[in-house]
Amino acid sequence: MAILEIKNLNLSLNGSLILSNVNISFSEGYIHAIVGPNGAGKTTLGYVIMGIEGFRNFDGDILFKGESIKNLNVTERARKGITLAWQEPARFEGLTVEKFIMSSARVKNPGIVREVLIKVGMEPEEYVNRAVDETLSGGERKKIELASILAMKPSLVILDEPDSGIDISSIENIFEAIKFLKSNGTTIILITHSLAVLRHAEQAFLLCNGCVLREGSVNEIIKYFGKKCLPCVHKNKPEEPEDFDLRTDEVKIK
């Protein structure tokens, strides 16, 4: 069953067509990936789904649980259970980590703060009274934002470049948090150009120049993305890839 359907979506910004005839169906309870090179339109598509101001004037439709959300603003979509984790997380001057997480938690139980911080690899005692401001690194704020989403338990979450700004030692915590979301019934959309992140999805869509070139299994999309999109030298039609070693992300030269 599809939880989210994007139908014949076209978006122009400043006179340029950014997304062109996008048709995607996201199955409920799965981990999906929207993958493509920088500038492909991935983040823009995430903003359109979330209903961010400036990204709502599009042709086509978006259905969430079978109902159109095209005319809903970001707050109304959030109330329906859709959320977005930004590539560059926000700062909240004067708001402590504990209050930030509790403000989004579905169940207002103080114990949830400790639980979700541990899930993303952070020591609760070190962070609960810290302010969500410039004293935290981008990676720390990103993990705190993810912790707040764990506490929120949304129906659908869009994670924009979830590994961006995260140190290598914390990457596995991020992937474990993604699995935890899925185990609680959340549908996940990973926006990424990372093969490492793509491998944690169950279904993938390859986006290039605002067009969906291909959809299918992760292994199938890796073959195209790994061979032709780093960097991509094709406008909208990648050639068939040569043999590709899925273990090393390398093309086998015949």
C-alpha atoms as a PDB file:
ATOM      1  CA  MET A   1       0.000   0.000   0.000  1.00  0.00           C
ATOM      2  CA  ALA A   2       1.314   3.443  -0.952  1.00  0.00           C
ATOM      3  CA  ILE A   3       1.497   5.981   1.865  1.00  0.00           C
ATOM      4  CA  LEU A   4       2.675   8.781  -0.444  1.00  0.00           C
ATOM      5  CA  GLU A   5       2.072   9.239  -4.165  1.00  0.00           C
ATOM      6  CA  ILE A   6       3.534  11.970  -6.349  1.00  0.00           C
ATOM      7  CA  LYS A   7       1.570  12.381  -9.553  1.00  0.00           C
ATOM      8  CA  ASN A   8       2.701  14.249 -12.701  1.00  0.00           C
ATOM      9  CA  LEU A   9       4.587  16.821 -10.632  1.00  0.00           C
ATOM     10  CA  ASN A  10       6.209  19.764 -12.402  1.00  0.00           C
ATOM     11  CA  LEU A  11       7.884  22.631 -10.551  1.00  0.00           C
ATOM     12  CA  SER A  12       9.435  25.778 -11.997  1.00  0.00           C
ATOM     13  CA  LEU A  13      11.482  28.243  -9.947  1.00  0.00           C
ATOM     14  CA  ASN A  14      12.621  31.609 -11.318  1.00  0.00           C
ATOM     15  CA  GLY A  15      11.558  30.585 -14.804  1.00  0.00           C
ATOM     16  CA  SER A  16      13.495  27.294 -14.808  1.00  0.00           C
ATOM     17  CA  LEU A  17      11.916  23.846 -14.779  1.00  0.00           C
ATOM     18  CA  ILE A  18      13.393  22.138 -11.686  1.00  0.00           C
ATOM     19  CA  LEU A  19      11.214  19.012 -11.428  1.00  0.00           C
ATOM     20  CA  SER A  20       9.723  17.486 -14.566  1.00  0.00           C
ATOM     21  CA  ASN A  21       6.854  14.974 -14.727  1.00  0.00           C
ATOM     22  CA  VAL A  22       7.802  13.272 -11.460  1.00  0.00           C
ATOM     23  CA  ASN A  23       5.719  10.185 -10.671  1.00  0.00           C
ATOM     24  CA  ILE A  24       6.743   8.240  -7.556  1.00  0.00           C
ATOM     25  CA  SER A  25       4.877   5.925  -5.208  1.00  0.00           C
ATOM     26  CA  PHE A  26       6.294   5.246  -1.722  1.00  0.00           C
ATOM     27  CA  SER A  27       5.190   2.017  -0.046  1.00  0.00           C
ATOM     28  CA  GLU A  28       4.134   2.271   3.603  1.00  0.00           C
ATOM     29  CA  GLY A  29       6.646   1.050   6.178  1.00  0.00           C
ATOM     30  CA  TYR A  30       9.614   0.863   3.805  1.00  0.00           C
ATOM     31  CA  ILE A  31      12.946   2.676   3.617  1.00  0.00           C
ATOM     32  CA  HIS A  32      13.145   4.484   0.279  1.00  0.00           C
ATOM     33  CA  ALA A  33      16.014   6.432  -1.254  1.00  0.00           C
ATOM     34  CA  ILE A  34      15.968   9.324  -3.694  1.00  0.00           C
ATOM     35  CA  VAL A  35      19.462   9.322  -5.114  1.00  0.00           C
ATOM     36  CA  GLY A  36      21.278  11.427  -7.664  1.00  0.00           C
ATOM     37  CA  PRO A  37      24.175  13.828  -8.154  1.00  0.00           C
ATOM     38  CA  ASN A  38      24.286  17.316  -6.655  1.00  0.00           C
ATOM     39  CA  GLY A  39      21.810  19.585  -8.404  1.00  0.00           C
ATOM     40  CA  ALA A  40      19.532  16.738  -9.490  1.00  0.00           C
ATOM     41  CA  GLY A  41      16.521  18.183  -7.644  1.00  0.00           C
ATOM     42  CA  LYS A  42      16.506  15.761  -4.690  1.00  0.00           C
ATOM     43  CA  THR A  43      16.292  18.328  -1.885  1.00  0.00           C
ATOM     44  CA  THR A  44      13.803  20.388  -3.885  1.00  0.00           C
ATOM     45  CA  LEU A  45      11.552  17.336  -4.117  1.00  0.00           C
ATOM     46  CA  GLY A  46      11.824  16.895  -0.342  1.00  0.00           C
ATOM     47  CA  TYR A  47      10.783  20.529   0.178  1.00  0.00           C
ATOM     48  CA  VAL A  48       7.807  20.054  -2.148  1.00  0.00           C
ATOM     49  CA  ILE A  49       6.645  16.971  -0.241  1.00  0.00           C
ATOM     50  CA  MET A  50       6.971  18.815   3.080  1.00  0.00           C
ATOM     51  CA  GLY A  51       5.179  21.897   1.742  1.00  0.00           C
ATOM     52  CA  ILE A  52       7.966  24.386   2.450  1.00  0.00           C
ATOM     53  CA  GLU A  53       7.040  27.975   1.571  1.00  0.00           C
ATOM     54  CA  GLY A  54       8.184  28.801  -1.968  1.00  0.00           C
ATOM     55  CA  PHE A  55       7.915  25.174  -3.114  1.00  0.00           C
ATOM     56  CA  ARG A  56       4.128  24.755  -3.177  1.00  0.00           C
ATOM     57  CA  ASN A  57       3.272  26.324  -6.536  1.00  0.00           C
ATOM     58  CA  PHE A  58       3.548  23.191  -8.662  1.00  0.00           C
ATOM     59  CA  ASP A  59       1.504  21.332 -11.248  1.00  0.00           C
ATOM     60  CA  GLY A  60       0.359  17.814 -10.435  1.00  0.00           C
ATOM     61  CA  ASP A  61      -0.638  16.399  -7.078  1.00  0.00           C
ATOM     62  CA  ILE A  62       0.688  14.757  -3.911  1.00  0.00           C
ATOM     63  CA  LEU A  63      -1.450  12.187  -2.124  1.00  0.00           C
ATOM     64  CA  PHE A  64      -0.798  11.170   1.480  1.00  0.00           C
ATOM     65  CA  LYS A  65      -2.747   8.121   2.607  1.00  0.00           C
ATOM     66  CA  GLY A  66      -4.956   8.576  -0.435  1.00  0.00           C
ATOM     67  CA  GLU A  67      -5.825  12.240   0.163  1.00  0.00           C
ATOM     68  CA  SER A  68      -4.400  15.261  -1.646  1.00  0.00           C
ATOM     69  CA  ILE A  69      -2.142  17.461   0.468  1.00  0.00           C
ATOM     70  CA  LYS A  70      -1.326  19.884  -2.347  1.00  0.00           C
ATOM     71  CA  ASN A  71      -3.118  22.786  -0.694  1.00  0.00           C
ATOM     72  CA  LEU A  72      -1.854  22.107   2.837  1.00  0.00           C
ATOM     73  CA  ASN A  73       0.952  24.185   4.352  1.00  0.00           C
ATOM     74  CA  VAL A  74       3.920  22.728   6.204  1.00  0.00           C
ATOM     75  CA  THR A  75       2.196  22.876   9.613  1.00  0.00           C
ATOM     76  CA  GLU A  76      -0.875  21.080   8.337  1.00  0.00           C
ATOM     77  CA  ARG A  77       1.264  18.376   6.741  1.00  0.00           C
ATOM     78  CA  ALA A  78       3.215  17.974   9.972  1.00  0.00           C
ATOM     79  CA  ARG A  79      -0.043  17.417  11.837  1.00  0.00           C
ATOM     80  CA  LYS A  80      -0.806  14.574   9.453  1.00  0.00           C
ATOM     81  CA  GLY A  81       2.466  12.902  10.442  1.00  0.00           C
ATOM     82  CA  ILE A  82       4.967  14.129   7.829  1.00  0.00           C
ATOM     83  CA  THR A  83       8.296  15.581   8.934  1.00  0.00           C
ATOM     84  CA  LEU A  84      11.592  16.639   7.388  1.00  0.00           C
ATOM     85  CA  ALA A  85      15.099  16.504   8.853  1.00  0.00           C
ATOM     86  CA  TRP A  86      17.119  19.264   7.217  1.00  0.00           C
ATOM     87  CA  GLN A  87      20.532  18.742   5.678  1.00  0.00           C
ATOM     88  CA  GLU A  88      21.658  21.721   7.777  1.00  0.00           C
ATOM     89  CA  PRO A  89      19.698  21.484  11.064  1.00  0.00           C
ATOM     90  CA  ALA A  90      18.279  24.599  12.693  1.00  0.00           C
ATOM     91  CA  ARG A  91      19.471  26.339  15.842  1.00  0.00           C
ATOM     92  CA  PHE A  92      17.082  27.316  18.622  1.00  0.00           C
ATOM     93  CA  GLU A  93      18.562  29.994  20.843  1.00  0.00           C
ATOM     94  CA  GLY A  94      17.642  29.524  24.505  1.00  0.00           C
ATOM     95  CA  LEU A  95      15.980  26.139  24.029  1.00  0.00           C
ATOM     96  CA  THR A  96      17.639  23.210  25.779  1.00  0.00           C
ATOM     97  CA  VAL A  97      18.079  19.825  24.140  1.00  0.00           C
ATOM     98  CA  GLU A  98      15.637  18.317  26.636  1.00  0.00           C
ATOM     99  CA  LYS A  99      12.914  20.881  25.898  1.00  0.00           C
ATOM    100  CA  PHE A 100      13.529  20.640  22.153  1.00  0.00           C
ATOM    101  CA  ILE A 101      13.029  16.877  22.135  1.00  0.00           C
ATOM    102  CA  MET A 102      10.086  16.985  24.553  1.00  0.00           C
ATOM    103  CA  SER A 103       8.330  19.605  22.407  1.00  0.00           C
ATOM    104  CA  SER A 104       8.066  17.112  19.543  1.00  0.00           C
ATOM    105  CA  ALA A 105       7.615  13.892  21.536  1.00  0.00           C
ATOM    106  CA  ARG A 106       4.353  12.043  20.966  1.00  0.00           C
ATOM    107  CA  VAL A 107       4.325  10.906  24.587  1.00  0.00           C
ATOM    108  CA  LYS A 108       5.444  13.593  27.066  1.00  0.00           C
ATOM    109  CA  ASN A 109       7.520  11.249  29.186  1.00  0.00           C
ATOM    110  CA  PRO A 110      10.854  12.711  30.403  1.00  0.00           C
ATOM    111  CA  GLY A 111      12.416   9.273  30.038  1.00  0.00           C
ATOM    112  CA  ILE A 112      11.982   9.465  26.271  1.00  0.00           C
ATOM    113  CA  VAL A 113      14.700  12.130  26.036  1.00  0.00           C
ATOM    114  CA  ARG A 114      17.335   9.835  27.491  1.00  0.00           C
ATOM    115  CA  GLU A 115      16.136   6.922  25.361  1.00  0.00           C
ATOM    116  CA  VAL A 116      16.325   8.711  22.011  1.00  0.00           C
ATOM    117  CA  LEU A 117      19.639  10.441  22.748  1.00  0.00           C
ATOM    118  CA  ILE A 118      21.188   7.048  23.454  1.00  0.00           C
ATOM    119  CA  LYS A 119      19.685   5.750  20.198  1.00  0.00           C
ATOM    120  CA  VAL A 120      21.636   8.356  18.216  1.00  0.00           C
ATOM    121  CA  GLY A 121      24.855   7.799  20.178  1.00  0.00           C
ATOM    122  CA  MET A 122      24.770  10.783  22.536  1.00  0.00           C
ATOM    123  CA  GLU A 123      25.320  10.753  26.313  1.00  0.00           C
ATOM    124  CA  PRO A 124      22.147  12.190  27.892  1.00  0.00           C
ATOM    125  CA  GLU A 125      23.943  13.664  30.920  1.00  0.00           C
ATOM    126  CA  GLU A 126      26.230  15.620  28.619  1.00  0.00           C
ATOM    127  CA  TYR A 127      23.512  17.077  26.413  1.00  0.00           C
ATOM    128  CA  VAL A 128      20.089  17.403  28.099  1.00  0.00           C
ATOM    129  CA  ASN A 129      20.828  20.868  29.522  1.00  0.00           C
ATOM    130  CA  ARG A 130      22.814  22.143  26.553  1.00  0.00           C
ATOM    131  CA  ALA A 131      21.241  24.826  24.368  1.00  0.00           C
ATOM    132  CA  VAL A 132      20.475  23.961  20.748  1.00  0.00           C
ATOM    133  CA  ASP A 133      22.640  26.808  19.442  1.00  0.00           C
ATOM    134  CA  GLU A 134      26.043  27.596  17.949  1.00  0.00           C
ATOM    135  CA  THR A 135      27.840  25.877  20.839  1.00  0.00           C
ATOM    136  CA  LEU A 136      26.845  22.558  19.258  1.00  0.00           C
ATOM    137  CA  SER A 137      28.495  21.346  16.081  1.00  0.00           C
ATOM    138  CA  GLY A 138      26.448  20.749  12.960  1.00  0.00           C
ATOM    139  CA  GLY A 139      26.816  17.014  13.486  1.00  0.00           C
ATOM    140  CA  GLU A 140      25.604  17.263  17.089  1.00  0.00           C
ATOM    141  CA  ARG A 141      22.570  19.298  16.068  1.00  0.00           C
ATOM    142  CA  LYS A 142      21.830  16.808  13.326  1.00  0.00           C
ATOM    143  CA  LYS A 143      21.817  13.907  15.782  1.00  0.00           C
ATOM    144  CA  ILE A 144      19.644  15.885  18.220  1.00  0.00           C
ATOM    145  CA  GLU A 145      17.190  16.642  15.418  1.00  0.00           C
ATOM    146  CA  LEU A 146      17.067  12.935  14.580  1.00  0.00           C
ATOM    147  CA  ALA A 147      16.522  12.138  18.268  1.00  0.00           C
ATOM    148  CA  SER A 148      13.543  14.492  18.290  1.00  0.00           C
ATOM    149  CA  ILE A 149      12.108  12.659  15.275  1.00  0.00           C
ATOM    150  CA  LEU A 150      12.509   9.331  17.076  1.00  0.00           C
ATOM    151  CA  ALA A 151      10.477  10.795  19.949  1.00  0.00           C
ATOM    152  CA  MET A 152       7.906  12.193  17.504  1.00  0.00           C
ATOM    153  CA  LYS A 153       7.240   8.810  15.842  1.00  0.00           C
ATOM    154  CA  PRO A 154       5.947  10.314  12.583  1.00  0.00           C
ATOM    155  CA  SER A 155       4.114   8.404   9.868  1.00  0.00           C
ATOM    156  CA  LEU A 156       6.621   9.559   7.245  1.00  0.00           C
ATOM    157  CA  VAL A 157      10.020  11.216   7.583  1.00  0.00           C
ATOM    158  CA  ILE A 158      12.237  12.742   4.915  1.00  0.00           C
ATOM    159  CA  LEU A 159      15.925  12.619   5.873  1.00  0.00           C
ATOM    160  CA  ASP A 160      17.968  14.996   3.722  1.00  0.00           C
ATOM    161  CA  GLU A 161      21.583  13.787   3.511  1.00  0.00           C
ATOM    162  CA  PRO A 162      21.402  12.031   6.926  1.00  0.00           C
ATOM    163  CA  ASP A 163      25.171  11.385   6.981  1.00  0.00           C
ATOM    164  CA  SER A 164      26.172  14.977   6.196  1.00  0.00           C
ATOM    165  CA  GLY A 165      28.371  16.476   8.931  1.00  0.00           C
ATOM    166  CA  ILE A 166      28.391  13.212  10.896  1.00  0.00           C
ATOM    167  CA  ASP A 167      31.755  11.805  11.942  1.00  0.00           C
ATOM    168  CA  ILE A 168      32.601   8.266  10.872  1.00  0.00           C
ATOM    169  CA  SER A 169      32.260   6.871  14.400  1.00  0.00           C
ATOM    170  CA  SER A 170      28.629   8.089  14.549  1.00  0.00           C
ATOM    171  CA  ILE A 171      27.445   6.881  11.146  1.00  0.00           C
ATOM    172  CA  GLU A 172      26.317   3.504  12.489  1.00  0.00           C
ATOM    173  CA  ASN A 173      24.252   5.286  15.173  1.00  0.00           C
ATOM    174  CA  ILE A 174      22.415   7.122  12.399  1.00  0.00           C
ATOM    175  CA  PHE A 175      21.709   3.886  10.540  1.00  0.00           C
ATOM    176  CA  GLU A 176      20.510   2.229  13.755  1.00  0.00           C
ATOM    177  CA  ALA A 177      18.162   5.159  14.359  1.00  0.00           C
ATOM    178  CA  ILE A 178      16.767   4.720  10.843  1.00  0.00           C
ATOM    179  CA  LYS A 179      16.117   1.031  11.554  1.00  0.00           C
ATOM    180  CA  PHE A 180      14.442   2.009  14.831  1.00  0.00           C
ATOM    181  CA  LEU A 181      12.104   4.373  12.977  1.00  0.00           C
ATOM    182  CA  LYS A 182      11.177   1.622  10.544  1.00  0.00           C
ATOM    183  CA  SER A 183      10.562  -0.838  13.392  1.00  0.00           C
ATOM    184  CA  ASN A 184       8.018   1.628  14.800  1.00  0.00           C
ATOM    185  CA  GLY A 185       6.143   1.787  11.500  1.00  0.00           C
ATOM    186  CA  THR A 186       7.603   4.998  10.089  1.00  0.00           C
ATOM    187  CA  THR A 187       8.031   5.230   6.323  1.00  0.00           C
ATOM    188  CA  ILE A 188      11.436   6.740   5.521  1.00  0.00           C
ATOM    189  CA  ILE A 189      12.647   8.679   2.490  1.00  0.00           C
ATOM    190  CA  LEU A 190      16.428   9.079   2.355  1.00  0.00           C
ATOM    191  CA  ILE A 191      17.652  11.921   0.130  1.00  0.00           C
ATOM    192  CA  THR A 192      21.269  11.183  -0.667  1.00  0.00           C
ATOM    193  CA  HIS A 193      24.138  11.024  -3.116  1.00  0.00           C
ATOM    194  CA  SER A 194      25.985   8.552  -0.869  1.00  0.00           C
ATOM    195  CA  LEU A 195      26.282   4.900  -1.839  1.00  0.00           C
ATOM    196  CA  ALA A 196      26.707   4.018   1.854  1.00  0.00           C
ATOM    197  CA  VAL A 197      23.325   5.576   2.706  1.00  0.00           C
ATOM    198  CA  LEU A 198      21.677   4.131  -0.409  1.00  0.00           C
ATOM    199  CA  ARG A 199      22.599   0.612   0.719  1.00  0.00           C
ATOM    200  CA  HIS A 200      20.294   0.977   3.759  1.00  0.00           C
ATOM    201  CA  ALA A 201      17.210   1.530   1.586  1.00  0.00           C
ATOM    202  CA  GLU A 202      14.815  -1.099   0.279  1.00  0.00           C
ATOM    203  CA  GLN A 203      13.653   0.746  -2.821  1.00  0.00           C
ATOM    204  CA  ALA A 204      15.386   3.515  -4.756  1.00  0.00           C
ATOM    205  CA  PHE A 205      14.674   6.218  -7.311  1.00  0.00           C
ATOM    206  CA  LEU A 206      17.386   7.783  -9.484  1.00  0.00           C
ATOM    207  CA  LEU A 207      16.841  11.494 -10.105  1.00  0.00           C
ATOM    208  CA  CYS A 208      18.752  13.546 -12.669  1.00  0.00           C
ATOM    209  CA  ASN A 209      18.001  17.072 -13.895  1.00  0.00           C
ATOM    210  CA  GLY A 210      14.644  16.928 -12.164  1.00  0.00           C
ATOM    211  CA  CYS A 211      13.537  13.725 -13.900  1.00  0.00           C
ATOM    212  CA  VAL A 212      13.093  10.256 -12.449  1.00  0.00           C
ATOM    213  CA  LEU A 213      15.321   8.147 -14.689  1.00  0.00           C
ATOM    214  CA  ARG A 214      14.844   4.830 -13.016  1.00  0.00           C
ATOM    215  CA  GLU A 215      13.267   3.116 -10.032  1.00  0.00           C
ATOM    216  CA  GLY A 216      13.858  -0.332  -8.645  1.00  0.00           C
ATOM    217  CA  SER A 217      15.937  -2.347  -6.245  1.00  0.00           C
ATOM    218  CA  VAL A 218      18.878  -0.766  -4.475  1.00  0.00           C
ATOM    219  CA  ASN A 219      21.354  -3.007  -6.300  1.00  0.00           C
ATOM    220  CA  GLU A 220      19.927  -1.993  -9.659  1.00  0.00           C
ATOM    221  CA  ILE A 221      20.096   1.723  -8.887  1.00  0.00           C
ATOM    222  CA  ILE A 222      23.613   1.404  -7.465  1.00  0.00           C
ATOM    223  CA  LYS A 223      24.787   0.067 -10.836  1.00  0.00           C
ATOM    224  CA  TYR A 224      23.550   3.179 -12.604  1.00  0.00           C
ATOM    225  CA  PHE A 225      24.427   5.709  -9.951  1.00  0.00           C
ATOM    226  CA  GLY A 226      27.874   4.314  -9.189  1.00  0.00           C
ATOM    227  CA  LYS A 227      28.873   4.096 -12.832  1.00  0.00           C
ATOM    228  CA  LYS A 228      27.274   7.099 -14.463  1.00  0.00           C
ATOM    229  CA  CYS A 229      26.549   9.722 -11.828  1.00  0.00           C
ATOM    230  CA  LEU A 230      29.883  10.290 -10.097  1.00  0.00           C
ATOM    231  CA  PRO A 231      30.153  12.584 -11.961  1.00  0.00           C
ATOM    232  CA  CYS A 232      27.199  12.238 -14.299  1.00  0.00           C
ATOM    233  CA  VAL A 233      28.087  13.059 -17.899  1.00  0.00           C
ATOM    234  CA  HIS A 234      24.660  12.326 -19.303  1.00  0.00           C
ATOM    235  CA  LYS A 235      21.754  14.742 -19.342  1.00  0.00           C
ATOM    236  CA  ASN A 236      18.846  12.404 -18.834  1.00  0.00           C
ATOM    237  CA  LYS A 237      19.689   8.988 -20.221  1.00  0.00           C
ATOM    238  CA  PRO A 238      22.601   7.109 -18.648  1.00  0.00           C
ATOM    239  CA  GLU A 239      24.015   4.369 -20.823  1.00  0.00           C
ATOM    240  CA  GLU A 240      23.723   0.789 -19.668  1.00  0.00           C
ATOM    241  CA  PRO A 241      26.444   0.278 -17.030  1.00  0.00           C
ATOM    242  CA  GLU A 242      29.336  -2.074 -17.382  1.00  0.00           C
ATOM    243  CA  ASP A 243      29.702  -4.878 -14.846  1.00  0.00           C
ATOM    244  CA  PHE A 244      29.692  -3.341 -11.386  1.00  0.00           C
ATOM    245  CA  ASP A 245      31.164  -4.810  -8.202  1.00  0.00           C
ATOM    246  CA  LEU A 246      28.536  -4.193  -5.513  1.00  0.00           C
ATOM    247  CA  ARG A 247      31.021  -4.974  -2.749  1.00  0.00           C
ATOM    248  CA  THR A 248      33.599  -2.342  -3.697  1.00  0.00           C
ATOM    249  CA  ASP A 249      31.509   0.216  -5.638  1.00  0.00           C
ATOM    250  CA  GLU A 250      33.933  -0.183  -8.550  1.00  0.00           C
ATOM    251  CA  VAL A 251      33.338  -0.825 -12.220  1.00  0.00           C
ATOM    252  CA  LYS A 252      34.935  -3.992 -13.535  1.00  0.00           C
ATOM    253  CA  ILE A 253      36.864  -3.132 -16.653  1.00  0.00           C
ATOM    254  CA  LYS A 254      36.561  -5.859 -19.255  1.00  0.00           C
END
